[in-house]
Amino acid sequence: MRLTIDTGTDTYEQAIAAVQAAYGLRPDVPVAWPDAPAAEPRPGPRDLADENLADGWTDQLLFQLIAALMPGARAVLRRITEQGGTASYDDVQQHFAHHPTHPIPVSRIGGSLTSIKAVQGRIGPDGAGPVLQRDERARHYRIDNALLPGLTRVFALADARPDLLRGEPSGAAA
C-alpha cells in the first residue's frame, strides 16, 4: 500500500487518520477528508471455511493447529505441505540442517515432529488420524491429500497474519 500525505494541504488530524485507516486501527475518518483510504478488514481465522475436509479437520482447525505449533515445527509442516504432502526424511533433515530462519539439528527433527502430534492431540478432532504421517520403512512423511488444500490456505493466512501465531520462546529453537 502506498499512502501520500500532502503536508501543505492536509491537516495533522487528517494525516493521522489516514495512517490509522491504512492499518485498520481506526475506521472512522474525518468527514472533511473524502479521499482518505478506506480501512480494509484484516483477514482472520473466522474467514476460513469450517467444512469438513477429512476426519473432522476444517480450515479453521488446521489454522489453530499451525498457530499453536512452535515455529520450527510449523516450518517443517509447511515444507512438507509445499512438497506436495510427501517428503523423505533426508530431504527434511537436509533442508533444516542449515536453514536461515529455523535451523533444526538432525537430532531434533524428531522432537519437532512429535510436537505436531502433541498439539494435534489438544486441538484436533476426536479420532482423527495424524495430520503428518510417518512411514518408518519407506523413510518418508506424508500428509493426507484431502488436507493439503486446507493447509495451503492456512499457511497463506499465517503469512498475512503472523501476529496470530505462537512465537519462539526465549532461548528455544523448534
N, C-alpha and C. Protein backbone atom coordinates (compact mmCIF):
# COMPACT_ATOMS: atom_id res chain seq x y z
N MET A 1 0.85 -1.16 0.00
CA MET A 1 0.00 0.00 0.00
C MET A 1 0.90 1.23 0.00
N ARG A 2 0.48 2.22 -0.72
CA ARG A 2 1.19 3.49 -0.74
C ARG A 2 0.25 4.55 -0.18
N LEU A 3 0.77 5.36 0.70
CA LEU A 3 -0.01 6.41 1.34
C LEU A 3 0.71 7.73 1.10
N THR A 4 -0.01 8.69 0.55
CA THR A 4 0.58 10.00 0.29
C THR A 4 -0.13 11.04 1.13
N ILE A 5 0.65 11.80 1.85
CA ILE A 5 0.10 12.88 2.68
C ILE A 5 0.75 14.17 2.21
N ASP A 6 -0.07 15.13 1.83
CA ASP A 6 0.43 16.43 1.38
C ASP A 6 0.49 17.35 2.59
N THR A 7 1.68 17.58 3.08
CA THR A 7 1.84 18.40 4.29
C THR A 7 1.48 19.86 4.05
N GLY A 8 1.31 20.23 2.81
CA GLY A 8 0.91 21.61 2.51
C GLY A 8 -0.59 21.82 2.62
N THR A 9 -1.38 20.75 2.38
CA THR A 9 -2.84 20.92 2.40
C THR A 9 -3.54 20.07 3.45
N ASP A 10 -2.99 18.91 3.77
CA ASP A 10 -3.64 18.03 4.75
C ASP A 10 -3.30 18.46 6.17
N THR A 11 -4.27 18.34 7.04
CA THR A 11 -4.04 18.68 8.43
C THR A 11 -3.36 17.51 9.14
N TYR A 12 -2.83 17.78 10.32
CA TYR A 12 -2.22 16.75 11.14
C TYR A 12 -3.24 15.65 11.44
N GLU A 13 -4.46 16.03 11.78
CA GLU A 13 -5.50 15.07 12.11
C GLU A 13 -5.82 14.19 10.90
N GLN A 14 -5.85 14.79 9.70
CA GLN A 14 -6.12 14.01 8.50
C GLN A 14 -4.99 13.00 8.24
N ALA A 15 -3.75 13.42 8.46
CA ALA A 15 -2.62 12.53 8.25
C ALA A 15 -2.66 11.35 9.22
N ILE A 16 -2.92 11.65 10.49
CA ILE A 16 -3.01 10.58 11.49
C ILE A 16 -4.16 9.64 11.16
N ALA A 17 -5.30 10.20 10.78
CA ALA A 17 -6.47 9.38 10.44
C ALA A 17 -6.16 8.49 9.24
N ALA A 18 -5.43 9.00 8.26
CA ALA A 18 -5.08 8.21 7.09
C ALA A 18 -4.19 7.04 7.45
N VAL A 19 -3.19 7.28 8.29
CA VAL A 19 -2.29 6.21 8.71
C VAL A 19 -3.07 5.17 9.52
N GLN A 20 -3.91 5.61 10.43
CA GLN A 20 -4.71 4.67 11.24
C GLN A 20 -5.66 3.87 10.35
N ALA A 21 -6.29 4.52 9.39
CA ALA A 21 -7.21 3.82 8.50
C ALA A 21 -6.45 2.81 7.63
N ALA A 22 -5.26 3.18 7.18
CA ALA A 22 -4.47 2.27 6.34
C ALA A 22 -4.10 1.01 7.09
N TYR A 23 -3.88 1.12 8.40
CA TYR A 23 -3.54 -0.05 9.20
C TYR A 23 -4.75 -0.67 9.88
N GLY A 24 -5.93 -0.19 9.55
CA GLY A 24 -7.15 -0.77 10.11
C GLY A 24 -7.34 -0.50 11.59
N LEU A 25 -6.70 0.54 12.10
CA LEU A 25 -6.78 0.83 13.52
C LEU A 25 -7.95 1.73 13.87
N ARG A 26 -8.40 2.51 12.91
CA ARG A 26 -9.49 3.43 13.19
C ARG A 26 -10.31 3.62 11.92
N PRO A 27 -11.43 2.93 11.82
CA PRO A 27 -12.20 3.01 10.58
C PRO A 27 -12.88 4.36 10.36
N ASP A 28 -13.06 5.14 11.40
CA ASP A 28 -13.73 6.43 11.21
C ASP A 28 -12.71 7.46 10.71
N VAL A 29 -13.06 8.17 9.66
CA VAL A 29 -12.17 9.15 9.05
C VAL A 29 -12.88 10.49 9.07
N PRO A 30 -12.16 11.57 9.33
CA PRO A 30 -12.81 12.89 9.35
C PRO A 30 -13.58 13.15 8.06
N VAL A 31 -14.78 13.70 8.22
CA VAL A 31 -15.64 13.98 7.08
C VAL A 31 -14.98 14.98 6.14
N ALA A 32 -14.15 15.85 6.64
CA ALA A 32 -13.53 16.88 5.83
C ALA A 32 -12.51 16.30 4.84
N TRP A 33 -12.24 15.00 4.91
CA TRP A 33 -11.25 14.43 4.02
C TRP A 33 -11.86 13.23 3.28
N PRO A 34 -12.56 13.48 2.18
CA PRO A 34 -13.28 12.42 1.48
C PRO A 34 -12.38 11.43 0.74
N ASP A 35 -11.13 11.78 0.46
CA ASP A 35 -10.26 10.89 -0.30
C ASP A 35 -9.41 9.99 0.59
N ALA A 36 -9.70 9.94 1.86
CA ALA A 36 -8.92 9.10 2.78
C ALA A 36 -9.10 7.64 2.42
N PRO A 37 -8.04 6.83 2.55
CA PRO A 37 -8.17 5.41 2.22
C PRO A 37 -9.12 4.72 3.19
N ALA A 38 -9.92 3.83 2.65
CA ALA A 38 -10.86 3.09 3.49
C ALA A 38 -10.10 1.99 4.22
N ALA A 39 -10.48 1.76 5.45
CA ALA A 39 -9.86 0.69 6.23
C ALA A 39 -10.43 -0.64 5.76
N GLU A 40 -9.53 -1.55 5.36
CA GLU A 40 -9.97 -2.88 4.94
C GLU A 40 -9.85 -3.81 6.13
N PRO A 41 -10.86 -4.66 6.33
CA PRO A 41 -10.77 -5.60 7.45
C PRO A 41 -9.62 -6.57 7.22
N ARG A 42 -8.90 -6.88 8.28
CA ARG A 42 -7.79 -7.81 8.20
C ARG A 42 -8.33 -9.23 8.22
N PRO A 43 -7.74 -10.11 7.40
CA PRO A 43 -8.21 -11.50 7.42
C PRO A 43 -7.89 -12.16 8.74
N GLY A 44 -8.72 -13.10 9.11
CA GLY A 44 -8.51 -13.83 10.36
C GLY A 44 -9.02 -15.25 10.24
N PRO A 45 -8.84 -16.06 11.27
CA PRO A 45 -9.28 -17.46 11.22
C PRO A 45 -10.76 -17.63 10.93
N ARG A 46 -11.58 -16.66 11.35
CA ARG A 46 -13.02 -16.78 11.09
C ARG A 46 -13.35 -16.68 9.61
N ASP A 47 -12.41 -16.15 8.82
CA ASP A 47 -12.62 -16.06 7.38
C ASP A 47 -12.40 -17.41 6.69
N LEU A 48 -11.83 -18.36 7.40
CA LEU A 48 -11.56 -19.68 6.84
C LEU A 48 -12.82 -20.54 6.88
N ALA A 49 -12.88 -21.49 5.97
CA ALA A 49 -14.04 -22.38 5.89
C ALA A 49 -14.10 -23.31 7.09
N ASP A 50 -15.32 -23.71 7.43
CA ASP A 50 -15.47 -24.68 8.52
C ASP A 50 -16.10 -25.99 8.01
N GLU A 51 -15.97 -26.23 6.70
CA GLU A 51 -16.45 -27.50 6.14
C GLU A 51 -15.43 -28.60 6.43
N ASN A 52 -15.92 -29.80 6.61
CA ASN A 52 -15.08 -30.95 6.92
C ASN A 52 -14.24 -31.32 5.70
N LEU A 53 -12.91 -31.29 5.86
CA LEU A 53 -12.01 -31.69 4.78
C LEU A 53 -11.79 -33.20 4.81
N ALA A 54 -11.53 -33.72 6.00
CA ALA A 54 -11.30 -35.15 6.22
C ALA A 54 -11.14 -35.37 7.72
N ASP A 55 -11.73 -36.44 8.23
CA ASP A 55 -11.58 -36.81 9.65
C ASP A 55 -11.99 -35.71 10.62
N GLY A 56 -12.86 -34.80 10.22
CA GLY A 56 -13.28 -33.72 11.10
C GLY A 56 -12.42 -32.48 11.01
N TRP A 57 -11.36 -32.51 10.21
CA TRP A 57 -10.49 -31.34 10.04
C TRP A 57 -11.16 -30.30 9.17
N THR A 58 -11.09 -29.06 9.60
CA THR A 58 -11.57 -27.92 8.83
C THR A 58 -10.40 -26.95 8.67
N ASP A 59 -10.56 -25.99 7.80
CA ASP A 59 -9.51 -24.97 7.66
C ASP A 59 -9.29 -24.27 9.01
N GLN A 60 -10.38 -23.99 9.72
CA GLN A 60 -10.25 -23.29 11.00
C GLN A 60 -9.45 -24.12 12.01
N LEU A 61 -9.71 -25.42 12.08
CA LEU A 61 -8.95 -26.29 13.00
C LEU A 61 -7.50 -26.41 12.57
N LEU A 62 -7.26 -26.49 11.26
CA LEU A 62 -5.89 -26.56 10.78
C LEU A 62 -5.13 -25.28 11.13
N PHE A 63 -5.82 -24.14 11.05
CA PHE A 63 -5.15 -22.89 11.43
C PHE A 63 -4.82 -22.90 12.92
N GLN A 64 -5.76 -23.35 13.74
CA GLN A 64 -5.48 -23.43 15.18
C GLN A 64 -4.28 -24.33 15.45
N LEU A 65 -4.18 -25.42 14.69
CA LEU A 65 -3.05 -26.33 14.84
C LEU A 65 -1.74 -25.62 14.52
N ILE A 66 -1.64 -25.00 13.34
CA ILE A 66 -0.35 -24.39 12.99
C ILE A 66 -0.05 -23.17 13.86
N ALA A 67 -1.09 -22.49 14.31
CA ALA A 67 -0.87 -21.32 15.18
C ALA A 67 -0.28 -21.74 16.52
N ALA A 68 -0.63 -22.94 16.99
CA ALA A 68 -0.16 -23.41 18.29
C ALA A 68 1.22 -24.07 18.23
N LEU A 69 1.69 -24.38 17.03
CA LEU A 69 2.98 -25.04 16.90
C LEU A 69 4.13 -24.08 17.16
N MET A 70 5.23 -24.62 17.64
CA MET A 70 6.46 -23.84 17.74
C MET A 70 6.89 -23.51 16.31
N PRO A 71 7.60 -22.40 16.11
CA PRO A 71 7.98 -22.01 14.75
C PRO A 71 8.73 -23.08 13.96
N GLY A 72 9.61 -23.83 14.59
CA GLY A 72 10.34 -24.87 13.87
C GLY A 72 9.43 -25.98 13.38
N ALA A 73 8.52 -26.44 14.23
CA ALA A 73 7.57 -27.49 13.84
C ALA A 73 6.65 -26.98 12.73
N ARG A 74 6.24 -25.72 12.84
CA ARG A 74 5.41 -25.11 11.80
C ARG A 74 6.16 -25.07 10.47
N ALA A 75 7.44 -24.73 10.53
CA ALA A 75 8.25 -24.67 9.31
C ALA A 75 8.39 -26.05 8.66
N VAL A 76 8.56 -27.09 9.47
CA VAL A 76 8.66 -28.45 8.93
C VAL A 76 7.34 -28.84 8.26
N LEU A 77 6.22 -28.58 8.92
CA LEU A 77 4.92 -28.92 8.34
C LEU A 77 4.69 -28.14 7.05
N ARG A 78 5.10 -26.87 7.02
CA ARG A 78 4.96 -26.06 5.81
C ARG A 78 5.81 -26.65 4.68
N ARG A 79 7.04 -27.04 5.00
CA ARG A 79 7.93 -27.60 3.98
C ARG A 79 7.31 -28.84 3.35
N ILE A 80 6.77 -29.72 4.16
CA ILE A 80 6.18 -30.95 3.63
C ILE A 80 4.92 -30.62 2.82
N THR A 81 4.16 -29.63 3.26
CA THR A 81 2.98 -29.18 2.50
C THR A 81 3.42 -28.66 1.14
N GLU A 82 4.46 -27.83 1.13
CA GLU A 82 4.95 -27.25 -0.12
C GLU A 82 5.54 -28.31 -1.06
N GLN A 83 5.96 -29.44 -0.51
CA GLN A 83 6.50 -30.53 -1.32
C GLN A 83 5.38 -31.43 -1.86
N GLY A 84 4.15 -30.99 -1.74
CA GLY A 84 3.02 -31.77 -2.25
C GLY A 84 2.51 -32.80 -1.28
N GLY A 85 2.92 -32.70 -0.02
CA GLY A 85 2.41 -33.59 1.01
C GLY A 85 3.27 -34.80 1.28
N THR A 86 4.37 -34.97 0.54
CA THR A 86 5.27 -36.10 0.77
C THR A 86 6.70 -35.60 0.71
N ALA A 87 7.49 -36.02 1.68
CA ALA A 87 8.90 -35.66 1.70
C ALA A 87 9.67 -36.77 2.40
N SER A 88 10.88 -37.01 1.93
CA SER A 88 11.71 -38.04 2.56
C SER A 88 12.32 -37.48 3.84
N TYR A 89 12.68 -38.38 4.73
CA TYR A 89 13.36 -37.97 5.95
C TYR A 89 14.59 -37.15 5.61
N ASP A 90 15.37 -37.66 4.63
CA ASP A 90 16.61 -36.98 4.25
C ASP A 90 16.37 -35.57 3.74
N ASP A 91 15.32 -35.39 2.92
CA ASP A 91 15.01 -34.06 2.39
C ASP A 91 14.70 -33.08 3.52
N VAL A 92 13.90 -33.52 4.47
CA VAL A 92 13.53 -32.65 5.58
C VAL A 92 14.76 -32.33 6.43
N GLN A 93 15.54 -33.34 6.74
CA GLN A 93 16.73 -33.12 7.56
C GLN A 93 17.72 -32.19 6.88
N GLN A 94 17.98 -32.39 5.59
CA GLN A 94 18.92 -31.55 4.87
C GLN A 94 18.41 -30.12 4.75
N HIS A 95 17.12 -29.98 4.49
CA HIS A 95 16.54 -28.64 4.33
C HIS A 95 16.71 -27.81 5.60
N PHE A 96 16.51 -28.43 6.75
CA PHE A 96 16.54 -27.68 8.01
C PHE A 96 17.89 -27.68 8.72
N ALA A 97 18.81 -28.48 8.28
CA ALA A 97 20.12 -28.54 8.94
C ALA A 97 20.80 -27.17 8.95
N HIS A 98 20.68 -26.42 7.88
CA HIS A 98 21.31 -25.10 7.77
C HIS A 98 20.31 -24.05 7.33
N HIS A 99 19.07 -24.21 7.73
CA HIS A 99 18.01 -23.28 7.35
C HIS A 99 18.32 -21.89 7.91
N PRO A 100 18.10 -20.82 7.10
CA PRO A 100 18.47 -19.48 7.57
C PRO A 100 17.62 -18.94 8.73
N THR A 101 16.34 -19.33 8.82
CA THR A 101 15.50 -18.78 9.89
C THR A 101 15.09 -19.81 10.94
N HIS A 102 15.03 -21.09 10.56
CA HIS A 102 14.62 -22.14 11.51
C HIS A 102 15.55 -23.35 11.41
N PRO A 103 16.84 -23.17 11.74
CA PRO A 103 17.72 -24.34 11.69
C PRO A 103 17.32 -25.35 12.77
N ILE A 104 17.26 -26.61 12.36
CA ILE A 104 16.92 -27.67 13.30
C ILE A 104 17.96 -28.77 13.12
N PRO A 105 18.75 -29.05 14.14
CA PRO A 105 19.74 -30.12 14.02
C PRO A 105 19.03 -31.45 13.75
N VAL A 106 19.71 -32.33 13.04
CA VAL A 106 19.14 -33.65 12.70
C VAL A 106 18.63 -34.34 13.95
N SER A 107 19.34 -34.19 15.06
CA SER A 107 18.94 -34.85 16.30
C SER A 107 17.64 -34.30 16.89
N ARG A 108 17.18 -33.12 16.41
CA ARG A 108 15.97 -32.52 16.97
C ARG A 108 14.76 -32.56 16.04
N ILE A 109 14.93 -33.02 14.81
CA ILE A 109 13.81 -33.09 13.87
C ILE A 109 12.68 -33.95 14.45
N GLY A 110 13.03 -35.08 15.03
CA GLY A 110 12.01 -35.97 15.61
C GLY A 110 11.19 -35.28 16.67
N GLY A 111 11.84 -34.46 17.50
CA GLY A 111 11.11 -33.73 18.54
C GLY A 111 10.16 -32.70 17.96
N SER A 112 10.59 -32.05 16.88
CA SER A 112 9.71 -31.07 16.22
C SER A 112 8.46 -31.76 15.69
N LEU A 113 8.66 -32.93 15.09
CA LEU A 113 7.52 -33.64 14.51
C LEU A 113 6.64 -34.25 15.59
N THR A 114 7.22 -34.66 16.70
CA THR A 114 6.43 -35.17 17.82
C THR A 114 5.55 -34.06 18.38
N SER A 115 6.06 -32.84 18.37
CA SER A 115 5.25 -31.73 18.89
C SER A 115 4.01 -31.49 18.03
N ILE A 116 4.08 -31.79 16.74
CA ILE A 116 2.90 -31.67 15.88
C ILE A 116 1.82 -32.63 16.37
N LYS A 117 2.23 -33.85 16.66
CA LYS A 117 1.28 -34.85 17.17
C LYS A 117 0.70 -34.42 18.51
N ALA A 118 1.53 -33.85 19.37
CA ALA A 118 1.05 -33.42 20.69
C ALA A 118 0.03 -32.29 20.57
N VAL A 119 0.32 -31.32 19.71
CA VAL A 119 -0.62 -30.21 19.52
C VAL A 119 -1.92 -30.73 18.90
N GLN A 120 -1.80 -31.65 17.95
CA GLN A 120 -3.00 -32.23 17.34
C GLN A 120 -3.86 -32.91 18.40
N GLY A 121 -3.23 -33.54 19.37
CA GLY A 121 -3.99 -34.20 20.44
C GLY A 121 -4.84 -33.23 21.24
N ARG A 122 -4.36 -31.99 21.38
CA ARG A 122 -5.12 -30.96 22.11
C ARG A 122 -6.16 -30.26 21.24
N ILE A 123 -5.84 -30.05 19.97
CA ILE A 123 -6.66 -29.20 19.12
C ILE A 123 -7.48 -29.98 18.10
N GLY A 124 -6.95 -31.09 17.63
CA GLY A 124 -7.58 -31.83 16.54
C GLY A 124 -8.90 -32.48 16.91
N PRO A 125 -9.65 -32.86 15.89
CA PRO A 125 -10.93 -33.54 16.14
C PRO A 125 -10.70 -34.92 16.75
N ASP A 126 -11.62 -35.36 17.59
CA ASP A 126 -11.52 -36.67 18.23
C ASP A 126 -11.49 -37.77 17.17
N GLY A 127 -10.58 -38.70 17.35
CA GLY A 127 -10.50 -39.86 16.47
C GLY A 127 -9.86 -39.60 15.12
N ALA A 128 -9.38 -38.41 14.87
CA ALA A 128 -8.76 -38.11 13.58
C ALA A 128 -7.38 -38.75 13.51
N GLY A 129 -7.03 -39.21 12.32
CA GLY A 129 -5.69 -39.73 12.11
C GLY A 129 -4.69 -38.58 12.16
N PRO A 130 -3.41 -38.89 12.23
CA PRO A 130 -2.41 -37.83 12.33
C PRO A 130 -2.37 -36.97 11.06
N VAL A 131 -2.21 -35.67 11.25
CA VAL A 131 -2.07 -34.76 10.12
C VAL A 131 -0.80 -35.13 9.35
N LEU A 132 0.26 -35.38 10.08
CA LEU A 132 1.53 -35.77 9.48
C LEU A 132 1.79 -37.23 9.81
N GLN A 133 1.81 -38.04 8.78
CA GLN A 133 2.04 -39.48 8.96
C GLN A 133 3.49 -39.80 8.63
N ARG A 134 4.06 -40.75 9.37
CA ARG A 134 5.44 -41.18 9.14
C ARG A 134 5.44 -42.64 8.71
N ASP A 135 6.19 -42.91 7.68
CA ASP A 135 6.39 -44.29 7.23
C ASP A 135 7.85 -44.62 7.51
N GLU A 136 8.07 -45.33 8.61
CA GLU A 136 9.44 -45.63 9.04
C GLU A 136 10.17 -46.50 8.02
N ARG A 137 9.46 -47.46 7.42
CA ARG A 137 10.11 -48.36 6.45
C ARG A 137 10.55 -47.60 5.20
N ALA A 138 9.67 -46.78 4.65
CA ALA A 138 9.99 -46.04 3.42
C ALA A 138 10.77 -44.77 3.73
N ARG A 139 10.85 -44.39 4.99
CA ARG A 139 11.56 -43.19 5.45
C ARG A 139 11.02 -41.92 4.77
N HIS A 140 9.70 -41.76 4.88
CA HIS A 140 9.12 -40.52 4.38
C HIS A 140 7.94 -40.08 5.24
N TYR A 141 7.63 -38.79 5.09
CA TYR A 141 6.50 -38.17 5.77
C TYR A 141 5.41 -37.94 4.73
N ARG A 142 4.16 -38.01 5.19
CA ARG A 142 3.05 -37.83 4.26
C ARG A 142 1.90 -37.10 4.95
N ILE A 143 1.27 -36.22 4.18
CA ILE A 143 0.06 -35.53 4.62
C ILE A 143 -1.06 -36.00 3.71
N ASP A 144 -2.20 -36.31 4.28
CA ASP A 144 -3.36 -36.75 3.50
C ASP A 144 -3.70 -35.71 2.43
N ASN A 145 -3.90 -36.16 1.20
CA ASN A 145 -4.21 -35.25 0.09
C ASN A 145 -5.42 -34.37 0.36
N ALA A 146 -6.38 -34.86 1.13
CA ALA A 146 -7.58 -34.07 1.43
C ALA A 146 -7.26 -32.85 2.29
N LEU A 147 -6.16 -32.91 3.06
CA LEU A 147 -5.80 -31.81 3.94
C LEU A 147 -4.87 -30.79 3.28
N LEU A 148 -4.23 -31.15 2.18
CA LEU A 148 -3.26 -30.25 1.54
C LEU A 148 -3.83 -28.90 1.14
N PRO A 149 -5.00 -28.83 0.48
CA PRO A 149 -5.53 -27.51 0.13
C PRO A 149 -5.82 -26.66 1.36
N GLY A 150 -6.33 -27.28 2.41
CA GLY A 150 -6.60 -26.55 3.65
C GLY A 150 -5.32 -26.03 4.28
N LEU A 151 -4.28 -26.85 4.31
CA LEU A 151 -3.00 -26.40 4.87
C LEU A 151 -2.41 -25.27 4.03
N THR A 152 -2.57 -25.34 2.72
CA THR A 152 -2.09 -24.26 1.86
C THR A 152 -2.81 -22.96 2.20
N ARG A 153 -4.11 -23.04 2.40
CA ARG A 153 -4.89 -21.84 2.75
C ARG A 153 -4.49 -21.29 4.12
N VAL A 154 -4.29 -22.16 5.09
CA VAL A 154 -3.97 -21.65 6.43
C VAL A 154 -2.55 -21.09 6.49
N PHE A 155 -1.63 -21.64 5.71
CA PHE A 155 -0.29 -21.05 5.66
C PHE A 155 -0.33 -19.68 4.97
N ALA A 156 -1.22 -19.51 4.00
CA ALA A 156 -1.38 -18.19 3.37
C ALA A 156 -1.90 -17.18 4.39
N LEU A 157 -2.86 -17.59 5.22
CA LEU A 157 -3.36 -16.70 6.27
C LEU A 157 -2.25 -16.43 7.29
N ALA A 158 -1.47 -17.44 7.62
CA ALA A 158 -0.36 -17.25 8.57
C ALA A 158 0.64 -16.23 8.04
N ASP A 159 0.87 -16.24 6.73
CA ASP A 159 1.76 -15.24 6.14
C ASP A 159 1.17 -13.84 6.26
N ALA A 160 -0.15 -13.74 6.09
CA ALA A 160 -0.82 -12.44 6.18
C ALA A 160 -0.96 -11.96 7.62
N ARG A 161 -1.07 -12.89 8.57
CA ARG A 161 -1.29 -12.53 9.98
C ARG A 161 -0.34 -13.27 10.90
N PRO A 162 0.96 -13.01 10.81
CA PRO A 162 1.91 -13.70 11.70
C PRO A 162 1.67 -13.36 13.17
N ASP A 163 0.93 -12.29 13.43
CA ASP A 163 0.63 -11.92 14.80
C ASP A 163 -0.26 -12.94 15.50
N LEU A 164 -0.91 -13.82 14.73
CA LEU A 164 -1.80 -14.83 15.32
C LEU A 164 -1.08 -16.13 15.66
N LEU A 165 0.20 -16.21 15.34
CA LEU A 165 0.95 -17.45 15.52
C LEU A 165 1.75 -17.44 16.81
N ARG A 166 1.95 -18.62 17.35
CA ARG A 166 2.80 -18.79 18.53
C ARG A 166 4.21 -18.40 18.14
N GLY A 167 4.86 -17.62 18.96
CA GLY A 167 6.22 -17.18 18.68
C GLY A 167 7.25 -18.08 19.31
N GLU A 168 8.47 -17.78 19.01
CA GLU A 168 9.61 -18.53 19.55
C GLU A 168 9.83 -18.13 21.01
N PRO A 169 9.84 -19.05 21.96
CA PRO A 169 10.15 -18.69 23.33
C PRO A 169 11.62 -18.31 23.43
N SER A 170 11.96 -17.52 24.38
CA SER A 170 13.34 -17.08 24.51
C SER A 170 14.25 -18.27 24.79
N GLY A 171 15.32 -18.35 23.99
CA GLY A 171 16.32 -19.38 24.19
C GLY A 171 15.98 -20.75 23.65
N ALA A 172 14.85 -20.93 22.94
CA ALA A 172 14.49 -22.24 22.42
C ALA A 172 14.45 -22.22 20.90
N ALA A 173 14.62 -23.36 20.30
CA ALA A 173 14.52 -23.49 18.85
C ALA A 173 13.79 -24.76 18.51
N ALA A 174 12.67 -24.63 17.83
CA ALA A 174 11.86 -25.75 17.38
C ALA A 174 11.23 -26.48 18.53
